[in-house]
Protein backbone atom coordinates (compact mmCIF):
# COMPACT_ATOMS: atom_id res chain seq x y z
CA MET A 1 204.54 101.10 175.13
CA ASP A 2 203.93 100.80 171.39
CA VAL A 3 206.61 102.36 169.53
CA SER A 4 205.53 101.53 166.18
CA LYS A 5 203.43 104.44 165.44
CA ALA A 6 204.15 108.11 165.26
CA LEU A 7 202.64 110.32 167.86
CA VAL A 8 201.22 113.93 166.83
CA GLY A 9 200.59 116.48 169.28
CA LYS A 10 198.35 119.84 169.03
CA ILE A 11 198.64 122.61 171.24
CA ASP A 12 195.87 125.07 171.82
CA LEU A 13 197.48 127.83 173.57
CA PRO A 14 194.43 130.05 174.26
CA MET A 15 192.57 127.04 175.91
CA GLY A 16 195.64 125.69 177.50
CA VAL A 17 194.86 122.33 175.95
CA VAL A 18 197.41 119.83 174.52
CA CYS A 19 196.07 116.70 172.59
CA PHE A 20 197.84 113.80 171.54
CA GLN A 21 196.91 111.21 169.06
CA THR A 22 198.36 108.50 166.83
CA THR A 23 198.87 109.36 163.34
CA LYS A 24 196.27 107.86 160.74
CA GLU A 25 197.14 106.00 157.77
CA ARG A 26 196.86 108.11 154.62
CA ASN A 27 193.98 105.90 153.22
CA ASP A 28 191.83 106.28 156.35
CA THR A 29 192.33 109.99 156.14
CA LEU A 30 191.43 110.27 152.41
CA ASN A 31 188.37 107.83 153.13
CA SER A 32 187.20 110.28 155.86
CA TRP A 33 187.49 113.19 153.83
CA ALA A 34 185.61 111.51 151.09
CA THR A 35 182.85 110.66 153.34
CA ASP A 36 182.44 114.25 154.55
CA LEU A 37 182.30 115.64 151.01
CA GLU A 38 179.77 113.24 149.86
CA LYS A 39 177.70 114.33 152.93
CA LEU A 40 178.24 118.04 152.05
CA LEU A 41 177.28 117.17 148.32
CA ASP A 42 174.15 115.54 149.32
CA LEU A 43 173.10 118.24 151.57
CA ILE A 44 173.97 120.73 148.86
CA GLU A 45 171.63 118.91 146.36
CA GLU A 46 168.92 118.41 148.98
CA SER A 47 168.98 122.27 149.61
CA CYS A 48 168.76 122.96 145.67
CA HIS A 49 165.87 120.72 145.28
CA GLN A 50 164.12 122.43 148.16
CA ILE A 51 164.84 125.70 146.72
CA HIS A 52 163.67 124.82 143.16
CA LYS A 53 160.41 123.39 144.75
CA GLN A 54 159.77 126.51 146.33
CA THR A 55 160.16 128.69 143.53
CA MET A 56 157.57 126.67 141.44
């Protein structure tokens, strides 16, 4: 058993599910958010481009 990391549990009462996972490092979490944000901004940019192209 590895006791060097913390364990986080999330309880979903309506579904009756308990999920356990180890905590992530702060840098990993921020990198994940940055990647998701970059994907979102790319999607918004592509959508704006398509809308602009349609209005011409």
